[in-house]
N, C-alpha and C. Protein backbone atom coordinates (compact mmCIF):
# COMPACT_ATOMS: atom_id res chain seq x y z
N UNK A 1 -0.86 15.10 3.57
CA UNK A 1 -1.74 15.22 2.41
C UNK A 1 -0.98 14.81 1.16
N UNK A 2 -1.68 14.66 0.10
CA UNK A 2 -1.04 14.31 -1.16
C UNK A 2 -0.68 12.84 -1.25
N UNK A 3 0.29 12.55 -2.10
CA UNK A 3 0.68 11.16 -2.33
C UNK A 3 1.33 10.55 -1.11
N UNK A 4 1.12 9.27 -0.96
CA UNK A 4 1.73 8.53 0.14
C UNK A 4 1.84 7.07 -0.24
N UNK A 5 2.28 6.28 0.68
CA UNK A 5 2.38 4.84 0.48
C UNK A 5 1.72 4.17 1.67
N UNK A 6 0.85 3.22 1.39
CA UNK A 6 0.30 2.45 2.49
C UNK A 6 0.83 1.03 2.39
N UNK A 7 1.02 0.40 3.53
CA UNK A 7 1.64 -0.92 3.59
C UNK A 7 0.77 -1.87 4.41
N UNK A 8 0.95 -3.13 4.16
CA UNK A 8 0.26 -4.17 4.92
C UNK A 8 1.14 -5.40 4.96
N UNK A 9 0.91 -6.25 5.93
CA UNK A 9 1.63 -7.52 6.02
C UNK A 9 0.97 -8.53 5.09
N UNK A 10 1.77 -9.24 4.34
CA UNK A 10 1.29 -10.33 3.48
C UNK A 10 2.04 -11.58 3.92
N UNK A 11 1.30 -12.55 4.41
CA UNK A 11 1.92 -13.76 4.95
C UNK A 11 1.44 -14.99 4.19
N UNK A 12 2.24 -16.02 4.21
CA UNK A 12 1.92 -17.31 3.60
C UNK A 12 1.37 -18.23 4.69
N UNK A 13 0.20 -18.82 4.43
CA UNK A 13 -0.43 -19.72 5.40
C UNK A 13 -0.71 -21.07 4.76
N UNK A 14 -0.75 -22.10 5.58
CA UNK A 14 -1.17 -23.43 5.15
C UNK A 14 -2.19 -23.94 6.16
N UNK A 15 -3.06 -24.84 5.72
CA UNK A 15 -4.05 -25.42 6.62
C UNK A 15 -3.43 -26.64 7.29
N UNK A 16 -3.41 -26.61 8.62
CA UNK A 16 -2.87 -27.72 9.40
C UNK A 16 -3.85 -28.03 10.52
N UNK A 17 -4.39 -29.23 10.53
CA UNK A 17 -5.34 -29.61 11.56
C UNK A 17 -6.60 -28.76 11.55
N UNK A 18 -7.00 -28.29 10.37
CA UNK A 18 -8.20 -27.47 10.25
C UNK A 18 -7.99 -26.01 10.58
N UNK A 19 -6.76 -25.63 10.90
CA UNK A 19 -6.45 -24.23 11.23
C UNK A 19 -5.45 -23.66 10.23
N UNK A 20 -5.50 -22.35 10.03
CA UNK A 20 -4.50 -21.68 9.21
C UNK A 20 -3.26 -21.44 10.06
N UNK A 21 -2.12 -21.90 9.58
CA UNK A 21 -0.85 -21.73 10.28
C UNK A 21 0.13 -21.00 9.37
N UNK A 22 0.85 -19.99 9.88
CA UNK A 22 1.85 -19.31 9.05
C UNK A 22 2.99 -20.27 8.70
N UNK A 23 3.44 -20.20 7.44
CA UNK A 23 4.55 -21.04 6.98
C UNK A 23 5.54 -20.17 6.20
N UNK A 24 6.68 -20.73 5.84
CA UNK A 24 7.68 -19.98 5.08
C UNK A 24 7.12 -19.61 3.71
N UNK A 25 7.52 -18.45 3.21
CA UNK A 25 7.00 -17.94 1.95
C UNK A 25 7.25 -18.83 0.75
N UNK A 26 8.27 -19.67 0.81
CA UNK A 26 8.57 -20.54 -0.33
C UNK A 26 7.50 -21.60 -0.55
N UNK A 27 6.59 -21.79 0.41
CA UNK A 27 5.50 -22.75 0.25
C UNK A 27 4.30 -22.16 -0.48
N UNK A 28 4.32 -20.87 -0.74
CA UNK A 28 3.23 -20.22 -1.47
C UNK A 28 3.70 -19.83 -2.87
N UNK A 29 2.77 -19.77 -3.79
CA UNK A 29 3.07 -19.40 -5.17
C UNK A 29 3.33 -17.89 -5.24
N UNK A 30 4.54 -17.46 -5.61
CA UNK A 30 4.84 -16.03 -5.64
C UNK A 30 4.01 -15.26 -6.67
N UNK A 31 3.49 -15.94 -7.68
CA UNK A 31 2.65 -15.27 -8.68
C UNK A 31 1.29 -14.87 -8.11
N UNK A 32 0.89 -15.50 -7.01
CA UNK A 32 -0.40 -15.22 -6.39
C UNK A 32 -0.29 -14.27 -5.20
N UNK A 33 0.93 -13.86 -4.88
CA UNK A 33 1.12 -13.00 -3.70
C UNK A 33 0.56 -11.60 -3.95
N UNK A 34 -0.35 -11.13 -3.10
CA UNK A 34 -0.88 -9.78 -3.26
C UNK A 34 0.18 -8.75 -2.88
N UNK A 35 0.07 -7.53 -3.39
CA UNK A 35 1.08 -6.51 -3.07
C UNK A 35 1.07 -6.15 -1.59
N UNK A 36 2.24 -5.84 -1.07
CA UNK A 36 2.35 -5.47 0.34
C UNK A 36 2.38 -3.95 0.51
N UNK A 37 2.50 -3.21 -0.60
CA UNK A 37 2.44 -1.75 -0.51
C UNK A 37 1.86 -1.18 -1.80
N UNK A 38 1.29 0.01 -1.68
CA UNK A 38 0.75 0.69 -2.86
C UNK A 38 0.79 2.19 -2.65
N UNK A 39 0.90 2.89 -3.76
CA UNK A 39 0.85 4.34 -3.74
C UNK A 39 -0.60 4.75 -3.54
N UNK A 40 -0.83 5.76 -2.73
CA UNK A 40 -2.20 6.20 -2.51
C UNK A 40 -2.24 7.72 -2.39
N UNK A 41 -3.40 8.25 -2.67
CA UNK A 41 -3.65 9.68 -2.52
C UNK A 41 -4.41 9.82 -1.20
N UNK A 42 -3.67 10.14 -0.15
CA UNK A 42 -4.24 10.11 1.19
C UNK A 42 -5.36 11.11 1.39
N UNK A 43 -5.18 12.33 0.94
CA UNK A 43 -6.23 13.34 1.04
C UNK A 43 -5.81 14.57 0.26
N UNK A 44 -6.78 15.39 -0.06
CA UNK A 44 -6.50 16.64 -0.76
C UNK A 44 -5.75 17.58 0.17
N UNK A 45 -4.70 18.22 -0.36
CA UNK A 45 -3.90 19.13 0.46
C UNK A 45 -4.63 20.43 0.77
N UNK A 46 -5.62 20.77 -0.03
CA UNK A 46 -6.39 21.98 0.24
C UNK A 46 -5.70 23.26 -0.17
N UNK A 47 -4.54 23.18 -0.79
CA UNK A 47 -3.82 24.38 -1.22
C UNK A 47 -4.38 24.95 -2.51
N UNK A 48 -4.23 26.24 -2.67
CA UNK A 48 -4.65 26.92 -3.91
C UNK A 48 -3.55 27.88 -4.32
N UNK A 49 -3.45 28.14 -5.62
CA UNK A 49 -2.50 29.12 -6.12
C UNK A 49 -3.08 30.52 -6.01
N UNK A 50 -2.22 31.47 -5.76
CA UNK A 50 -2.60 32.88 -5.80
C UNK A 50 -1.47 33.62 -6.48
N UNK A 51 -1.80 34.45 -7.47
CA UNK A 51 -0.78 35.18 -8.23
C UNK A 51 -0.88 36.67 -7.91
N UNK A 52 0.27 37.30 -7.80
CA UNK A 52 0.31 38.75 -7.60
C UNK A 52 0.23 39.43 -8.97
N UNK A 53 -0.04 40.72 -9.02
CA UNK A 53 -0.09 41.41 -10.31
C UNK A 53 1.27 41.37 -11.00
N UNK A 54 1.25 41.45 -12.33
CA UNK A 54 2.48 41.48 -13.11
C UNK A 54 3.29 42.72 -12.76
N UNK A 55 4.60 42.57 -12.75
CA UNK A 55 5.46 43.74 -12.52
C UNK A 55 5.55 44.56 -13.81
N UNK A 56 5.84 45.85 -13.69
CA UNK A 56 5.95 46.73 -14.86
C UNK A 56 7.37 47.12 -15.13
């Protein structure tokens, strides 16, 4: 629960013979590369605070 990181593969492809073929990353524009990971809030932890009475 709580914060986490999710990841995905980001690959560079070129069209060869009408098909997408993976190529080396240097053939793609690095400014257009989508992120391969991001911070995410996976789910609510469901926890709650409980306080005891003040001491005297």
